[in-house]
Amino acid sequence: NSFIPIVLVYAAVVVAGSLYVNRYYEGQAVTQKSNEVQNVSRAVNDWLIARISEIIQLSRTPTVQSGDLEAMRRYLGQWRAHLAFVYREICFIDLSGAYWDSGGQRGLLRNTAFLQSFSNDIPRYFFMGPVAGEPRFAEAVIVAVPIHKGGEIQGILAGVIPYSVIDRMIGFFTFSEFDSYMLIDQFGRIIAHSNHL
């Protein structure tokens, strides 16, 4: 008579112990993956900050500050050639929306909404992200900074980073940690996805 309760208690202890161990290891696995996501996020953030820093430094070079468009075009073309694996183009954009890029293309932006953020009472120090509705910047993340001269904004310098570069960069950081990944912008659009590779 006492054997059945002992077996039931033993079974209950084993089942409860198994559940506890499983939940513990599941919790550990979730914590580990969460830490890995944070590490990848920091790595991506650092990479993007490095791109912002590059464009800011470029905007402060004497050639860009000079306002000599021909000298700027030559200099930006040479500079971009060294970093062609990152930037599709480097663009100089007038506050009117007129632009020319390091590849020799000229035009007028259709969507100048992001330029307005540089001409407000408290202008932005930089812009980073996709520019919706602008074919010139399609399938790319833009890093843009104002060119200041004498306390005024003379124009905008923009680095155009294609989504394919973002894909490769995130794929590099997530290669061993995850089976798949996705980068989504603030509007819910997919910028990078492991299925694109």
Protein backbone atom coordinates (compact mmCIF):
# COMPACT_ATOMS: atom_id res chain seq x y z
CA ASN A 1 0.00 0.00 0.00
CA SER A 2 2.82 2.40 0.73
CA PHE A 3 4.63 1.56 -2.57
CA ILE A 4 2.17 3.42 -4.85
CA PRO A 5 2.38 6.78 -3.01
CA ILE A 6 6.18 6.53 -2.99
CA VAL A 7 6.23 5.91 -6.77
CA LEU A 8 3.81 8.81 -7.34
CA VAL A 9 5.90 11.16 -5.19
CA TYR A 10 9.07 10.01 -6.94
CA ALA A 11 7.45 10.49 -10.38
CA ALA A 12 6.21 13.94 -9.38
CA VAL A 13 9.69 14.92 -8.17
CA VAL A 14 11.30 13.64 -11.41
CA VAL A 15 8.76 15.44 -13.62
CA ALA A 16 9.01 18.67 -11.61
CA GLY A 17 12.80 18.43 -11.67
CA SER A 18 12.83 17.82 -15.42
CA LEU A 19 10.53 20.79 -16.00
CA TYR A 20 12.71 22.99 -13.80
CA VAL A 21 15.90 21.90 -15.55
CA ASN A 22 14.31 22.39 -18.99
CA ARG A 23 13.04 25.86 -18.08
CA TYR A 24 16.40 26.75 -16.56
CA TYR A 25 18.26 25.77 -19.73
CA GLU A 26 15.64 27.45 -21.92
CA GLY A 27 16.08 30.60 -19.85
CA GLN A 28 19.85 30.33 -20.18
CA ALA A 29 19.55 29.86 -23.95
CA VAL A 30 17.24 32.88 -24.28
CA THR A 31 19.59 34.99 -22.15
CA GLN A 32 22.56 33.90 -24.25
CA LYS A 33 20.79 34.71 -27.53
CA SER A 34 19.66 38.04 -26.09
CA ASN A 35 23.26 38.87 -25.21
CA GLU A 36 24.37 37.86 -28.71
CA VAL A 37 21.70 40.12 -30.26
CA GLN A 38 22.95 43.00 -28.10
CA ASN A 39 26.53 42.31 -29.17
CA VAL A 40 25.54 42.28 -32.84
CA SER A 41 23.48 45.44 -32.32
CA ARG A 42 26.49 47.19 -30.75
CA ALA A 43 28.74 46.05 -33.60
CA VAL A 44 26.29 47.36 -36.23
CA ASN A 45 25.88 50.60 -34.28
CA ASP A 46 29.67 51.05 -34.10
CA TRP A 47 29.98 50.40 -37.85
CA LEU A 48 27.31 53.01 -38.62
CA ILE A 49 28.91 55.53 -36.23
CA ALA A 50 32.20 55.01 -38.08
CA ARG A 51 30.43 55.90 -41.37
CA ILE A 52 28.94 59.05 -39.78
CA SER A 53 32.38 60.00 -38.49
CA GLU A 54 33.89 59.54 -41.97
CA ILE A 55 31.36 61.85 -43.62
CA ILE A 56 31.67 64.44 -40.84
CA GLN A 57 35.47 64.47 -41.19
CA LEU A 58 35.14 64.68 -44.97
CA SER A 59 32.79 67.68 -44.67
CA ARG A 60 35.44 69.51 -42.65
CA THR A 61 38.35 69.06 -45.08
CA PRO A 62 39.74 72.30 -46.58
CA THR A 63 38.78 71.20 -50.11
CA VAL A 64 35.13 70.68 -49.20
CA GLN A 65 35.08 73.83 -47.07
CA SER A 66 36.55 75.87 -49.98
CA GLY A 67 33.32 75.75 -51.97
CA ASP A 68 35.28 75.11 -55.20
CA LEU A 69 32.90 72.64 -56.83
CA GLU A 70 35.42 71.32 -59.38
CA ALA A 71 38.07 70.72 -56.71
CA MET A 72 35.44 69.10 -54.48
CA ARG A 73 34.30 66.81 -57.30
CA ARG A 74 37.85 65.60 -57.95
CA TYR A 75 38.61 65.17 -54.25
CA LEU A 76 35.36 63.37 -53.43
CA GLY A 77 35.81 61.08 -56.44
CA GLN A 78 39.29 60.08 -55.26
CA TRP A 79 38.12 59.65 -51.67
CA ARG A 80 35.13 57.52 -52.71
CA ALA A 81 37.38 55.35 -54.94
CA HIS A 82 39.28 54.25 -51.82
CA LEU A 83 36.03 53.23 -50.10
CA ALA A 84 34.04 51.92 -53.09
CA PHE A 85 33.27 48.76 -51.11
CA VAL A 86 31.22 50.90 -48.69
CA TYR A 87 29.82 53.90 -50.61
CA ARG A 88 27.93 53.81 -53.90
CA GLU A 89 28.40 57.57 -54.27
CA ILE A 90 29.30 60.69 -52.32
CA CYS A 91 26.90 63.54 -53.10
CA PHE A 92 27.06 67.29 -52.61
CA ILE A 93 23.51 68.60 -52.21
CA ASP A 94 22.52 72.26 -52.31
CA LEU A 95 19.76 73.30 -49.90
CA SER A 96 17.56 73.84 -52.99
CA GLY A 97 17.77 70.07 -53.68
CA ALA A 98 20.17 70.33 -56.63
CA TYR A 99 22.96 67.77 -56.38
CA TRP A 100 26.01 66.32 -58.06
CA ASP A 101 27.86 63.22 -57.06
CA SER A 102 31.35 61.76 -57.20
CA GLY A 103 30.40 59.80 -60.31
CA GLY A 104 29.64 62.98 -62.26
CA GLN A 105 25.84 62.72 -62.13
CA ARG A 106 23.79 65.88 -61.64
CA GLY A 107 20.15 66.40 -60.88
CA LEU A 108 17.44 67.67 -58.58
CA LEU A 109 16.14 65.61 -55.67
CA ARG A 110 12.43 64.87 -55.82
CA ASN A 111 12.11 64.47 -52.08
CA THR A 112 13.90 67.22 -50.16
CA ALA A 113 12.09 66.50 -46.86
CA PHE A 114 15.25 65.26 -45.16
CA LEU A 115 17.06 68.51 -46.13
CA GLN A 116 14.52 70.52 -44.12
CA SER A 117 15.89 68.99 -40.94
CA PHE A 118 19.18 70.82 -41.60
CA SER A 119 17.52 74.21 -42.07
CA ASN A 120 15.31 74.30 -38.97
CA ASP A 121 15.95 76.65 -36.04
CA ILE A 122 17.98 73.89 -34.37
CA PRO A 123 19.47 72.00 -37.33
CA ARG A 124 20.44 68.38 -37.15
CA TYR A 125 24.08 67.51 -36.86
CA PHE A 126 23.60 64.59 -39.25
CA PHE A 127 20.96 62.47 -40.95
CA MET A 128 21.13 58.69 -41.28
CA GLY A 129 18.62 56.34 -42.82
CA PRO A 130 16.64 55.66 -45.99
CA VAL A 131 15.12 58.61 -47.87
CA ALA A 132 11.60 57.60 -48.84
CA GLY A 133 10.39 58.56 -52.30
CA GLU A 134 13.78 59.63 -53.64
CA PRO A 135 14.89 57.51 -56.64
CA ARG A 136 18.45 58.84 -56.45
CA PHE A 137 18.84 57.21 -53.03
CA ALA A 138 16.79 54.07 -53.73
CA GLU A 139 17.89 50.86 -52.01
CA ALA A 140 20.39 52.73 -49.85
CA VAL A 141 21.01 54.17 -46.41
CA ILE A 142 22.11 57.79 -46.48
CA VAL A 143 24.57 59.38 -44.07
CA ALA A 144 24.32 63.15 -44.54
CA VAL A 145 25.96 66.04 -42.70
CA PRO A 146 25.82 69.81 -43.19
CA ILE A 147 28.82 71.69 -44.59
CA HIS A 148 29.26 74.75 -42.37
CA LYS A 149 31.14 77.84 -43.45
CA GLY A 150 31.11 81.09 -41.52
CA GLY A 151 28.29 79.90 -39.27
CA GLU A 152 26.01 79.09 -42.22
CA ILE A 153 25.16 75.84 -43.97
CA GLN A 154 26.67 75.87 -47.45
CA GLY A 155 25.25 72.52 -48.47
CA ILE A 156 24.89 68.88 -47.49
CA LEU A 157 27.43 66.11 -47.95
CA ALA A 158 25.85 62.67 -48.25
CA GLY A 159 27.35 59.19 -48.38
CA VAL A 160 25.16 56.65 -50.17
CA ILE A 161 25.55 53.14 -48.68
CA PRO A 162 23.70 50.45 -50.69
CA TYR A 163 21.56 47.90 -48.90
CA SER A 164 23.84 45.17 -50.31
CA VAL A 165 26.71 46.58 -48.22
CA ILE A 166 24.48 46.66 -45.13
CA ASP A 167 23.50 43.04 -45.88
CA ARG A 168 27.12 41.92 -46.04
CA MET A 169 28.08 43.85 -42.91
CA ILE A 170 25.24 42.42 -40.80
CA GLY A 171 25.81 38.96 -42.26
CA PHE A 172 29.43 39.17 -41.15
CA PHE A 173 28.48 40.07 -37.58
CA THR A 174 25.74 37.41 -37.34
CA PHE A 175 27.45 34.60 -39.26
CA SER A 176 28.03 32.22 -36.34
CA GLU A 177 25.33 33.32 -33.92
CA PHE A 178 22.05 33.12 -35.89
CA ASP A 179 20.43 31.20 -38.73
CA SER A 180 18.79 34.35 -40.06
CA TYR A 181 18.54 38.08 -39.38
CA MET A 182 16.57 41.14 -40.43
CA LEU A 183 17.20 44.90 -40.17
CA ILE A 184 14.10 47.09 -40.24
CA ASP A 185 14.01 50.88 -40.48
CA GLN A 186 11.79 53.17 -38.42
CA PHE A 187 9.04 52.93 -41.07
CA GLY A 188 8.91 49.14 -40.96
CA ARG A 189 10.74 48.61 -44.27
CA ILE A 190 13.23 45.76 -44.47
CA ILE A 191 16.71 47.15 -45.13
CA ALA A 192 18.67 43.92 -44.81
CA HIS A 193 17.64 40.28 -44.62
CA SER A 194 19.64 37.08 -44.64
CA ASN A 195 17.47 35.65 -47.43
CA HIS A 196 18.85 38.35 -49.75
CA LEU A 197 22.35 36.85 -49.54
